[in-house]
Amino acid sequence: MAASLSISRLLTTTSATATAAAASSLLPPKSLSFASLAVPRRSSLAIPRRLVRLGKPLRLSTAATPTRAAISVGDKLPDASLSYFDPAGELQTTTVSALTAGKKSILFAVPGAFTPTCSQKHLPGFVEKAGELKAKGVDTIACISVNDAFVMRAWKESLGIGDAVMLLSDGNGNFTRAIGCELDLTDQPVGLGVRSRRYALLAEDGVVKVLNLEEGGAFTFSGAEDMLKVL
């Protein structure tokens, strides 16, 4: 009987020891704490500062971003079709080459018919000085705008000007794009869309001799007086 109790105690002790050993194998070692498992604040996964590059702020208005024209002094003007109404009220078309070939021509552009600066200063200035410009050898004076020919005729009639200055429609903006003078006003509330930058140029036999290109719609050195100074 005593031998049976000893064997039973031995088996019980051995079983308890095995169970404790198995349980201890499921626990982390004493030398490994849960704190050591936490990801450090400055881990190797952090992005190095030298790789973080901030881009320049986006400009939503192209009017604030200077642009360079595709055309410059010494270049041949690209050909394009322009339209207008003649004195008899008939719709006509002409080309840049017809206006400039073998001639001394002044072409100036405005952002839009009926707009204040164009109506009060730019176009009237050339109408007023047309006689002086032609006395200095200018054969053709033409105002170009990205407006349709009907708008250009109505503008001419509203100002009561004659035919000394041609009012030409670049309705689809083909010529304006060809010389790189687009003016994107789509972010403006008045609905002008894409127009032409303001400029005045002197061409001899189709070659640009003088180009006074304004920034956006500014009016500082593209007037008739400025062109008289260079003739």
C-alpha atoms as a PDB file:
ATOM      1  CA  MET A   1       0.000   0.000   0.000  1.00  0.00           C
ATOM      2  CA  ALA A   2       2.792   2.402   0.908  1.00  0.00           C
ATOM      3  CA  ALA A   3       4.564   1.563  -2.347  1.00  0.00           C
ATOM      4  CA  SER A   4       1.424   2.379  -4.298  1.00  0.00           C
ATOM      5  CA  LEU A   5       1.104   5.811  -2.623  1.00  0.00           C
ATOM      6  CA  SER A   6       4.767   6.641  -3.399  1.00  0.00           C
ATOM      7  CA  ILE A   7       4.373   5.757  -7.049  1.00  0.00           C
ATOM      8  CA  SER A   8       1.148   7.819  -7.235  1.00  0.00           C
ATOM      9  CA  ARG A   9       2.888  10.869  -5.649  1.00  0.00           C
ATOM     10  CA  LEU A  10       5.800  10.494  -8.038  1.00  0.00           C
ATOM     11  CA  LEU A  11       3.499  10.419 -11.057  1.00  0.00           C
ATOM     12  CA  THR A  12       1.580  13.434  -9.765  1.00  0.00           C
ATOM     13  CA  THR A  13       4.777  15.419  -9.188  1.00  0.00           C
ATOM     14  CA  THR A  14       6.179  14.508 -12.603  1.00  0.00           C
ATOM     15  CA  SER A  15       2.892  15.504 -14.310  1.00  0.00           C
ATOM     16  CA  ALA A  16       2.790  18.861 -12.528  1.00  0.00           C
ATOM     17  CA  THR A  17       6.398  19.563 -13.426  1.00  0.00           C
ATOM     18  CA  ALA A  18       5.766  18.774 -17.110  1.00  0.00           C
ATOM     19  CA  THR A  19       2.660  20.952 -17.149  1.00  0.00           C
ATOM     20  CA  ALA A  20       4.546  23.879 -15.616  1.00  0.00           C
ATOM     21  CA  ALA A  21       7.381  23.462 -18.107  1.00  0.00           C
ATOM     22  CA  ALA A  22       4.951  23.453 -21.015  1.00  0.00           C
ATOM     23  CA  ALA A  23       3.206  26.554 -19.713  1.00  0.00           C
ATOM     24  CA  SER A  24       6.491  28.375 -19.199  1.00  0.00           C
ATOM     25  CA  SER A  25       7.513  27.644 -22.777  1.00  0.00           C
ATOM     26  CA  LEU A  26       4.521  29.718 -23.994  1.00  0.00           C
ATOM     27  CA  LEU A  27       5.593  32.799 -22.068  1.00  0.00           C
ATOM     28  CA  PRO A  28       8.229  35.272 -23.299  1.00  0.00           C
ATOM     29  CA  PRO A  29      11.663  34.862 -21.739  1.00  0.00           C
ATOM     30  CA  LYS A  30      12.381  36.901 -18.682  1.00  0.00           C
ATOM     31  CA  SER A  31      14.944  38.986 -20.514  1.00  0.00           C
ATOM     32  CA  LEU A  32      12.363  40.078 -23.165  1.00  0.00           C
ATOM     33  CA  SER A  33       9.917  42.687 -21.913  1.00  0.00           C
ATOM     34  CA  PHE A  34       6.822  43.989 -23.717  1.00  0.00           C
ATOM     35  CA  ALA A  35       8.358  47.449 -23.662  1.00  0.00           C
ATOM     36  CA  SER A  36      11.204  46.124 -25.797  1.00  0.00           C
ATOM     37  CA  LEU A  37       8.677  45.020 -28.433  1.00  0.00           C
ATOM     38  CA  ALA A  38       7.297  48.558 -28.947  1.00  0.00           C
ATOM     39  CA  VAL A  39       8.320  50.389 -32.150  1.00  0.00           C
ATOM     40  CA  PRO A  40      10.734  53.165 -31.228  1.00  0.00           C
ATOM     41  CA  ARG A  41       9.676  56.717 -31.979  1.00  0.00           C
ATOM     42  CA  ARG A  42      12.520  57.225 -34.444  1.00  0.00           C
ATOM     43  CA  SER A  43      12.366  53.899 -36.233  1.00  0.00           C
ATOM     44  CA  SER A  44      14.156  52.879 -39.396  1.00  0.00           C
ATOM     45  CA  LEU A  45      10.817  53.236 -41.226  1.00  0.00           C
ATOM     46  CA  ALA A  46      10.837  57.026 -40.844  1.00  0.00           C
ATOM     47  CA  ILE A  47      11.317  58.930 -44.119  1.00  0.00           C
ATOM     48  CA  PRO A  48      14.684  60.711 -44.173  1.00  0.00           C
ATOM     49  CA  ARG A  49      14.347  64.483 -44.249  1.00  0.00           C
ATOM     50  CA  ARG A  50      16.430  64.769 -47.385  1.00  0.00           C
ATOM     51  CA  LEU A  51      13.836  62.763 -49.328  1.00  0.00           C
ATOM     52  CA  VAL A  52      10.904  65.002 -48.393  1.00  0.00           C
ATOM     53  CA  ARG A  53      10.703  67.721 -51.026  1.00  0.00           C
ATOM     54  CA  LEU A  54       7.974  70.325 -51.061  1.00  0.00           C
ATOM     55  CA  GLY A  55       6.961  71.597 -54.517  1.00  0.00           C
ATOM     56  CA  LYS A  56       6.283  75.200 -55.392  1.00  0.00           C
ATOM     57  CA  PRO A  57       2.763  76.477 -54.628  1.00  0.00           C
ATOM     58  CA  LEU A  58       0.382  76.120 -57.543  1.00  0.00           C
ATOM     59  CA  ARG A  59      -0.580  79.307 -59.301  1.00  0.00           C
ATOM     60  CA  LEU A  60      -4.217  79.202 -60.314  1.00  0.00           C
ATOM     61  CA  SER A  61      -4.083  82.386 -62.358  1.00  0.00           C
ATOM     62  CA  THR A  62      -1.942  82.404 -65.473  1.00  0.00           C
ATOM     63  CA  ALA A  63      -2.078  86.171 -65.434  1.00  0.00           C
ATOM     64  CA  ALA A  64       0.383  86.057 -62.527  1.00  0.00           C
ATOM     65  CA  THR A  65       2.793  83.835 -64.401  1.00  0.00           C
ATOM     66  CA  PRO A  66       5.002  85.550 -66.978  1.00  0.00           C
ATOM     67  CA  THR A  67       5.107  83.777 -70.324  1.00  0.00           C
ATOM     68  CA  ARG A  68       7.291  84.156 -73.374  1.00  0.00           C
ATOM     69  CA  ALA A  69       5.928  84.517 -76.891  1.00  0.00           C
ATOM     70  CA  ALA A  70       6.891  82.069 -79.593  1.00  0.00           C
ATOM     71  CA  ILE A  71       7.551  84.979 -81.955  1.00  0.00           C
ATOM     72  CA  SER A  72      10.450  87.400 -81.583  1.00  0.00           C
ATOM     73  CA  VAL A  73      12.247  90.146 -83.463  1.00  0.00           C
ATOM     74  CA  GLY A  74      13.779  88.808 -86.662  1.00  0.00           C
ATOM     75  CA  ASP A  75      11.191  86.061 -87.119  1.00  0.00           C
ATOM     76  CA  LYS A  76       8.900  85.679 -90.087  1.00  0.00           C
ATOM     77  CA  LEU A  77       5.263  86.040 -89.131  1.00  0.00           C
ATOM     78  CA  PRO A  78       3.291  82.803 -89.523  1.00  0.00           C
ATOM     79  CA  ASP A  79       0.455  82.962 -92.006  1.00  0.00           C
ATOM     80  CA  ALA A  80      -3.148  82.756 -90.843  1.00  0.00           C
ATOM     81  CA  SER A  81      -6.587  83.779 -92.034  1.00  0.00           C
ATOM     82  CA  LEU A  82      -8.370  86.750 -90.463  1.00  0.00           C
ATOM     83  CA  SER A  83     -11.871  88.063 -91.165  1.00  0.00           C
ATOM     84  CA  TYR A  84     -13.536  91.472 -91.239  1.00  0.00           C
ATOM     85  CA  PHE A  85     -16.472  93.391 -92.686  1.00  0.00           C
ATOM     86  CA  ASP A  86     -15.640  95.775 -95.517  1.00  0.00           C
ATOM     87  CA  PRO A  87     -17.198  99.280 -95.829  1.00  0.00           C
ATOM     88  CA  ALA A  88     -20.041  97.779 -97.904  1.00  0.00           C
ATOM     89  CA  GLY A  89     -20.920  95.420 -95.055  1.00  0.00           C
ATOM     90  CA  GLU A  90     -19.626  92.295 -96.789  1.00  0.00           C
ATOM     91  CA  LEU A  91     -17.742  89.687 -94.816  1.00  0.00           C
ATOM     92  CA  GLN A  92     -14.203  89.325 -96.130  1.00  0.00           C
ATOM     93  CA  THR A  93     -11.156  87.265 -95.272  1.00  0.00           C
ATOM     94  CA  THR A  94      -7.518  88.162 -95.580  1.00  0.00           C
ATOM     95  CA  THR A  95      -4.222  86.620 -94.546  1.00  0.00           C
ATOM     96  CA  VAL A  96      -1.263  87.794 -92.542  1.00  0.00           C
ATOM     97  CA  SER A  97       0.946  87.398 -95.596  1.00  0.00           C
ATOM     98  CA  ALA A  98      -1.379  89.609 -97.689  1.00  0.00           C
ATOM     99  CA  LEU A  99      -1.244  92.293 -94.997  1.00  0.00           C
ATOM    100  CA  THR A 100       2.535  92.278 -94.663  1.00  0.00           C
ATOM    101  CA  ALA A 101       4.193  91.019 -97.871  1.00  0.00           C
ATOM    102  CA  GLY A 102       6.270  93.818 -99.429  1.00  0.00           C
ATOM    103  CA  LYS A 103       4.827  96.285 -96.919  1.00  0.00           C
ATOM    104  CA  LYS A 104       5.600  98.039 -93.683  1.00  0.00           C
ATOM    105  CA  SER A 105       2.793  97.006 -91.363  1.00  0.00           C
ATOM    106  CA  ILE A 106       1.755  97.592 -87.779  1.00  0.00           C
ATOM    107  CA  LEU A 107      -0.292  94.849 -86.166  1.00  0.00           C
ATOM    108  CA  PHE A 108      -1.544  95.405 -82.658  1.00  0.00           C
ATOM    109  CA  ALA A 109      -3.697  93.132 -80.541  1.00  0.00           C
ATOM    110  CA  VAL A 110      -6.169  93.712 -77.740  1.00  0.00           C
ATOM    111  CA  PRO A 111      -7.556  91.208 -75.212  1.00  0.00           C
ATOM    112  CA  GLY A 112     -11.122  91.988 -76.176  1.00  0.00           C
ATOM    113  CA  ALA A 113     -13.457  94.298 -78.071  1.00  0.00           C
ATOM    114  CA  PHE A 114     -15.547  96.619 -75.893  1.00  0.00           C
ATOM    115  CA  THR A 115     -13.224  96.192 -72.902  1.00  0.00           C
ATOM    116  CA  PRO A 116     -12.329  99.503 -71.188  1.00  0.00           C
ATOM    117  CA  THR A 117      -8.611  99.962 -71.939  1.00  0.00           C
ATOM    118  CA  CYS A 118      -8.971  98.675 -75.487  1.00  0.00           C
ATOM    119  CA  SER A 119     -11.925 100.960 -76.218  1.00  0.00           C
ATOM    120  CA  GLN A 120     -10.734 104.073 -74.435  1.00  0.00           C
ATOM    121  CA  LYS A 121      -6.989 104.064 -75.078  1.00  0.00           C
ATOM    122  CA  HIS A 122      -5.392 101.395 -77.248  1.00  0.00           C
ATOM    123  CA  LEU A 123      -7.534 101.403 -80.407  1.00  0.00           C
ATOM    124  CA  PRO A 124      -8.423 105.143 -80.329  1.00  0.00           C
ATOM    125  CA  GLY A 125      -4.735 105.967 -80.008  1.00  0.00           C
ATOM    126  CA  PHE A 126      -3.909 104.241 -83.286  1.00  0.00           C
ATOM    127  CA  VAL A 127      -6.916 105.801 -84.999  1.00  0.00           C
ATOM    128  CA  GLU A 128      -5.771 109.237 -83.864  1.00  0.00           C
ATOM    129  CA  LYS A 129      -2.154 108.687 -84.954  1.00  0.00           C
ATOM    130  CA  ALA A 130      -2.918 106.770 -88.170  1.00  0.00           C
ATOM    131  CA  GLY A 131      -2.055 109.767 -90.366  1.00  0.00           C
ATOM    132  CA  GLU A 132       1.321 110.264 -88.671  1.00  0.00           C
ATOM    133  CA  LEU A 133       2.146 106.576 -88.839  1.00  0.00           C
ATOM    134  CA  LYS A 134       1.368 106.404 -92.547  1.00  0.00           C
ATOM    135  CA  ALA A 135       3.347 109.583 -93.160  1.00  0.00           C
ATOM    136  CA  LYS A 136       6.344 107.637 -91.816  1.00  0.00           C
ATOM    137  CA  GLY A 137       5.895 104.874 -94.340  1.00  0.00           C
ATOM    138  CA  VAL A 138       3.448 102.502 -92.663  1.00  0.00           C
ATOM    139  CA  ASP A 139       1.196 100.872 -95.254  1.00  0.00           C
ATOM    140  CA  THR A 140      -1.133  98.842 -93.050  1.00  0.00           C
ATOM    141  CA  ILE A 141      -2.438  99.363 -89.516  1.00  0.00           C
ATOM    142  CA  ALA A 142      -4.557  96.538 -88.169  1.00  0.00           C
ATOM    143  CA  CYS A 143      -6.092  95.701 -84.818  1.00  0.00           C
ATOM    144  CA  ILE A 144      -6.436  91.982 -84.067  1.00  0.00           C
ATOM    145  CA  SER A 145      -8.626  90.420 -81.413  1.00  0.00           C
ATOM    146  CA  VAL A 146      -9.872  86.949 -80.527  1.00  0.00           C
ATOM    147  CA  ASN A 147     -13.465  87.982 -81.185  1.00  0.00           C
ATOM    148  CA  ASP A 148     -15.760  87.083 -84.054  1.00  0.00           C
ATOM    149  CA  ALA A 149     -16.113  89.418 -87.033  1.00  0.00           C
ATOM    150  CA  PHE A 150     -19.619  90.529 -86.005  1.00  0.00           C
ATOM    151  CA  VAL A 151     -18.371  91.709 -82.624  1.00  0.00           C
ATOM    152  CA  MET A 152     -15.481  93.538 -84.283  1.00  0.00           C
ATOM    153  CA  ARG A 153     -17.894  95.318 -86.650  1.00  0.00           C
ATOM    154  CA  ALA A 154     -20.198  96.305 -83.794  1.00  0.00           C
ATOM    155  CA  TRP A 155     -17.192  97.609 -81.846  1.00  0.00           C
ATOM    156  CA  LYS A 156     -16.060  99.686 -84.804  1.00  0.00           C
ATOM    157  CA  GLU A 157     -19.531 101.165 -85.246  1.00  0.00           C
ATOM    158  CA  SER A 158     -19.878 101.934 -81.539  1.00  0.00           C
ATOM    159  CA  LEU A 159     -16.638 103.931 -81.604  1.00  0.00           C
ATOM    160  CA  GLY A 160     -17.551 105.692 -84.828  1.00  0.00           C
ATOM    161  CA  ILE A 161     -14.142 105.146 -86.402  1.00  0.00           C
ATOM    162  CA  GLY A 162     -13.366 105.049 -90.111  1.00  0.00           C
ATOM    163  CA  ASP A 163     -11.225 102.664 -92.131  1.00  0.00           C
ATOM    164  CA  ALA A 164      -7.761 103.993 -91.355  1.00  0.00           C
ATOM    165  CA  VAL A 165      -7.319 101.060 -88.962  1.00  0.00           C
ATOM    166  CA  MET A 166      -8.540  97.610 -89.939  1.00  0.00           C
ATOM    167  CA  LEU A 167     -10.376  95.644 -87.252  1.00  0.00           C
ATOM    168  CA  LEU A 168      -9.573  91.978 -87.821  1.00  0.00           C
ATOM    169  CA  SER A 169     -11.123  88.928 -86.221  1.00  0.00           C
ATOM    170  CA  ASP A 170      -8.897  86.061 -85.134  1.00  0.00           C
ATOM    171  CA  GLY A 171     -12.033  84.309 -83.963  1.00  0.00           C
ATOM    172  CA  ASN A 172     -10.552  80.870 -83.352  1.00  0.00           C
ATOM    173  CA  GLY A 173      -7.267  82.253 -82.052  1.00  0.00           C
ATOM    174  CA  ASN A 174      -5.207  80.526 -84.749  1.00  0.00           C
ATOM    175  CA  PHE A 175      -2.835  83.430 -85.356  1.00  0.00           C
ATOM    176  CA  THR A 176      -2.614  84.236 -81.655  1.00  0.00           C
ATOM    177  CA  ARG A 177      -1.586  80.665 -80.851  1.00  0.00           C
ATOM    178  CA  ALA A 178       0.858  80.563 -83.763  1.00  0.00           C
ATOM    179  CA  ILE A 179       2.825  83.486 -82.324  1.00  0.00           C
ATOM    180  CA  GLY A 180       2.505  82.238 -78.741  1.00  0.00           C
ATOM    181  CA  CYS A 181       0.518  85.185 -77.401  1.00  0.00           C
ATOM    182  CA  GLU A 182      -2.445  83.447 -75.776  1.00  0.00           C
ATOM    183  CA  LEU A 183      -3.842  85.015 -72.627  1.00  0.00           C
ATOM    184  CA  ASP A 184      -5.768  82.513 -70.499  1.00  0.00           C
ATOM    185  CA  LEU A 185      -8.514  84.353 -68.649  1.00  0.00           C
ATOM    186  CA  THR A 186     -10.665  81.326 -67.858  1.00  0.00           C
ATOM    187  CA  ASP A 187     -10.185  81.935 -64.127  1.00  0.00           C
ATOM    188  CA  GLN A 188     -11.776  85.368 -64.388  1.00  0.00           C
ATOM    189  CA  PRO A 189     -15.508  85.820 -63.615  1.00  0.00           C
ATOM    190  CA  VAL A 190     -16.316  87.832 -66.760  1.00  0.00           C
ATOM    191  CA  GLY A 191     -16.128  84.803 -69.063  1.00  0.00           C
ATOM    192  CA  LEU A 192     -13.453  85.978 -71.501  1.00  0.00           C
ATOM    193  CA  GLY A 193     -11.885  82.538 -71.929  1.00  0.00           C
ATOM    194  CA  VAL A 194      -8.614  82.424 -73.876  1.00  0.00           C
ATOM    195  CA  ARG A 195      -7.762  85.713 -75.593  1.00  0.00           C
ATOM    196  CA  SER A 196      -4.674  87.513 -76.880  1.00  0.00           C
ATOM    197  CA  ARG A 197      -2.033  89.323 -74.884  1.00  0.00           C
ATOM    198  CA  ARG A 198      -1.777  92.982 -75.706  1.00  0.00           C
ATOM    199  CA  TYR A 199       1.023  93.859 -78.114  1.00  0.00           C
ATOM    200  CA  ALA A 200       2.069  96.037 -81.013  1.00  0.00           C
ATOM    201  CA  LEU A 201       4.519  94.905 -83.649  1.00  0.00           C
ATOM    202  CA  LEU A 202       6.148  96.421 -86.699  1.00  0.00           C
ATOM    203  CA  ALA A 203       6.754  94.054 -89.600  1.00  0.00           C
ATOM    204  CA  GLU A 204       8.604  94.740 -92.830  1.00  0.00           C
ATOM    205  CA  ASP A 205       7.873  92.299 -95.618  1.00  0.00           C
ATOM    206  CA  GLY A 206       6.481  89.915 -93.012  1.00  0.00           C
ATOM    207  CA  VAL A 207       9.555  90.004 -90.759  1.00  0.00           C
ATOM    208  CA  VAL A 208       9.167  91.299 -87.207  1.00  0.00           C
ATOM    209  CA  LYS A 209      11.303  94.395 -86.659  1.00  0.00           C
ATOM    210  CA  VAL A 210       9.775  95.648 -83.404  1.00  0.00           C
ATOM    211  CA  LEU A 211       7.741  93.697 -80.847  1.00  0.00           C
ATOM    212  CA  ASN A 212       6.236  95.502 -77.864  1.00  0.00           C
ATOM    213  CA  LEU A 213       4.606  92.650 -75.974  1.00  0.00           C
ATOM    214  CA  GLU A 214       2.763  93.496 -72.780  1.00  0.00           C
ATOM    215  CA  GLU A 215       2.437  91.217 -69.781  1.00  0.00           C
ATOM    216  CA  GLY A 216      -1.147  90.013 -69.864  1.00  0.00           C
ATOM    217  CA  GLY A 217      -3.539  92.860 -70.581  1.00  0.00           C
ATOM    218  CA  ALA A 218      -1.325  95.673 -69.290  1.00  0.00           C
ATOM    219  CA  PHE A 219      -1.017  98.808 -71.396  1.00  0.00           C
ATOM    220  CA  THR A 220       2.380 100.418 -70.903  1.00  0.00           C
ATOM    221  CA  PHE A 221       4.392 100.482 -74.148  1.00  0.00           C
ATOM    222  CA  SER A 222       2.238  99.098 -76.969  1.00  0.00           C
ATOM    223  CA  GLY A 223       0.448 102.291 -77.954  1.00  0.00           C
ATOM    224  CA  ALA A 224       0.598 104.361 -81.132  1.00  0.00           C
ATOM    225  CA  GLU A 225       3.018 106.871 -79.575  1.00  0.00           C
ATOM    226  CA  ASP A 226       5.437 104.038 -78.780  1.00  0.00           C
ATOM    227  CA  MET A 227       5.377 102.845 -82.386  1.00  0.00           C
ATOM    228  CA  LEU A 228       5.943 106.369 -83.691  1.00  0.00           C
ATOM    229  CA  LYS A 229       9.144 106.508 -81.665  1.00  0.00           C
ATOM    230  CA  VAL A 230      10.644 103.498 -83.417  1.00  0.00           C
ATOM    231  CA  LEU A 231       9.850 104.604 -86.992  1.00  0.00           C
END
